Amino acid sequence: MEELEWCLERLENIQTHRSVSDMASSKVIQPSNL
């Protein structure tokens, strides 16, 4: 049970990090958004 919670937490962190990376890359592609 604890392992499942850890996996979910890990997945959430990865998704958050990925969305942040997407935002950063899109800003690099379109600096006019700044």
Protein backbone atom coordinates (compact mmCIF):
# COMPACT_ATOMS: atom_id res chain seq x y z
CA MET A 1 0.00 0.00 0.00
CA GLU A 2 2.80 2.41 0.87
CA GLU A 3 4.54 1.59 -2.41
CA LEU A 4 1.42 2.57 -4.36
CA GLU A 5 1.24 5.93 -2.62
CA TRP A 6 4.93 6.46 -3.33
CA CYS A 7 4.40 5.66 -7.01
CA LEU A 8 1.47 8.07 -7.25
CA GLU A 9 3.49 10.78 -5.56
CA ARG A 10 6.37 10.12 -7.90
CA LEU A 11 4.06 10.27 -10.93
CA GLU A 12 2.59 13.58 -9.76
CA ASN A 13 6.06 15.07 -9.36
CA ILE A 14 7.02 13.92 -12.86
CA GLN A 15 3.85 15.39 -14.40
CA THR A 16 4.37 18.70 -12.60
CA HIS A 17 8.00 18.83 -13.69
CA ARG A 18 6.98 17.99 -17.26
CA SER A 19 4.38 20.77 -17.43
CA VAL A 20 6.94 23.23 -16.06
CA SER A 21 9.42 22.10 -18.70
CA ASP A 22 6.78 22.51 -21.40
CA MET A 23 6.05 26.05 -20.21
CA ALA A 24 9.75 26.88 -20.20
CA SER A 25 10.32 25.43 -23.67
CA SER A 26 7.29 27.23 -25.09
CA LYS A 27 8.63 30.49 -23.64
CA VAL A 28 11.95 29.82 -25.32
CA ILE A 29 10.17 29.15 -28.62
CA GLN A 30 7.93 32.20 -28.24
CA PRO A 31 9.79 34.85 -26.21
CA SER A 32 7.07 37.36 -27.14
CA ASN A 33 4.86 35.70 -24.50
CA LEU A 34 7.11 37.20 -21.81
